[in-house]
Protein backbone atom coordinates (compact mmCIF):
# COMPACT_ATOMS: atom_id res chain seq x y z
CA UNK A 1 9.54 6.93 -10.24
CA UNK A 2 5.98 5.49 -10.47
CA UNK A 3 3.40 7.48 -12.40
CA UNK A 4 0.25 6.37 -10.52
CA UNK A 5 -0.34 8.29 -7.32
CA UNK A 6 -1.17 6.41 -4.15
CA UNK A 7 -2.81 8.57 -1.50
CA UNK A 8 -3.47 7.87 2.17
CA UNK A 9 -6.74 5.94 2.46
CA UNK A 10 -6.08 3.88 -0.66
CA UNK A 11 -6.26 0.10 -0.52
CA UNK A 12 -3.41 -1.79 -2.12
CA UNK A 13 -2.44 -5.41 -2.57
CA UNK A 14 1.24 -6.11 -1.90
CA UNK A 15 2.72 -9.62 -1.68
CA UNK A 16 -0.78 -11.15 -1.94
CA UNK A 17 -2.08 -9.28 1.13
CA UNK A 18 -4.45 -6.32 1.28
CA UNK A 19 -3.28 -3.16 3.04
CA UNK A 20 -4.67 0.29 3.85
CA UNK A 21 -2.25 3.15 3.15
CA UNK A 22 -1.97 5.34 6.23
CA UNK A 23 0.87 7.60 5.09
CA UNK A 24 3.17 8.18 2.15
CA UNK A 25 6.63 9.72 2.49
CA UNK A 26 9.69 10.22 0.33
CA UNK A 27 12.93 8.88 1.79
CA UNK A 28 16.35 10.54 1.55
CA UNK A 29 17.03 8.72 -1.73
CA UNK A 30 13.81 9.97 -3.34
CA UNK A 31 11.87 6.68 -3.10
CA UNK A 32 8.21 6.53 -2.02
CA UNK A 33 7.69 4.83 1.33
CA UNK A 34 4.20 3.55 2.13
CA UNK A 35 3.16 3.14 5.78
CA UNK A 36 0.30 0.65 5.80
CA UNK A 37 -1.91 -1.41 8.09
CA UNK A 38 -3.05 -4.90 7.17
CA UNK A 39 -6.63 -5.64 6.17
CA UNK A 40 -6.53 -9.25 4.96
CA UNK A 41 -6.72 -12.11 7.46
CA UNK A 42 -3.03 -13.03 7.57
CA UNK A 43 -1.83 -9.46 8.20
CA UNK A 44 -4.89 -7.91 9.86
CA UNK A 45 -4.03 -4.90 12.06
CA UNK A 46 -0.28 -5.35 11.49
CA UNK A 47 1.68 -2.26 10.52
CA UNK A 48 4.29 -2.39 7.78
CA UNK A 49 6.41 -0.11 5.65
CA UNK A 50 7.10 -0.76 1.98
CA UNK A 51 9.41 1.00 -0.45
CA UNK A 52 7.20 1.28 -3.49
CA UNK A 53 9.90 0.83 -6.11
CA UNK A 54 10.93 -2.49 -4.55
CA UNK A 55 7.33 -3.75 -4.56
CA UNK A 56 6.27 -2.68 -8.08
CA UNK A 57 6.08 -6.32 -9.27
CA UNK A 58 3.56 -7.23 -6.57
CA UNK A 59 1.81 -3.90 -5.95
CA UNK A 60 -1.77 -3.48 -7.15
CA UNK A 61 -3.97 -0.49 -6.38
CA UNK A 62 -7.45 -1.76 -5.52
CA UNK A 63 -10.35 0.03 -7.22
CA UNK A 64 -12.59 1.55 -4.51
CA UNK A 65 -15.66 0.29 -6.37
CA UNK A 66 -14.45 -3.28 -5.78
CA UNK A 67 -14.07 -2.97 -2.00
CA UNK A 68 -16.51 -4.03 0.70
CA UNK A 69 -17.30 -2.03 3.80
CA UNK A 70 -15.83 -3.58 6.96
């Protein structure tokens, strides 16, 4: 299981797109599931669900200091 905590409100980059984490759950198999909404142009306002363990190769937590207000 991942060691870095991702909380609702965090910005993440998954599959080269930026997302806002709306909710984090644990599924029946113990995996973290992230409910997100798109922020970058290609996925803007689209909702998605990612299983964190399957996205570890592409997942990047964005430092809040590096974000711009929208």
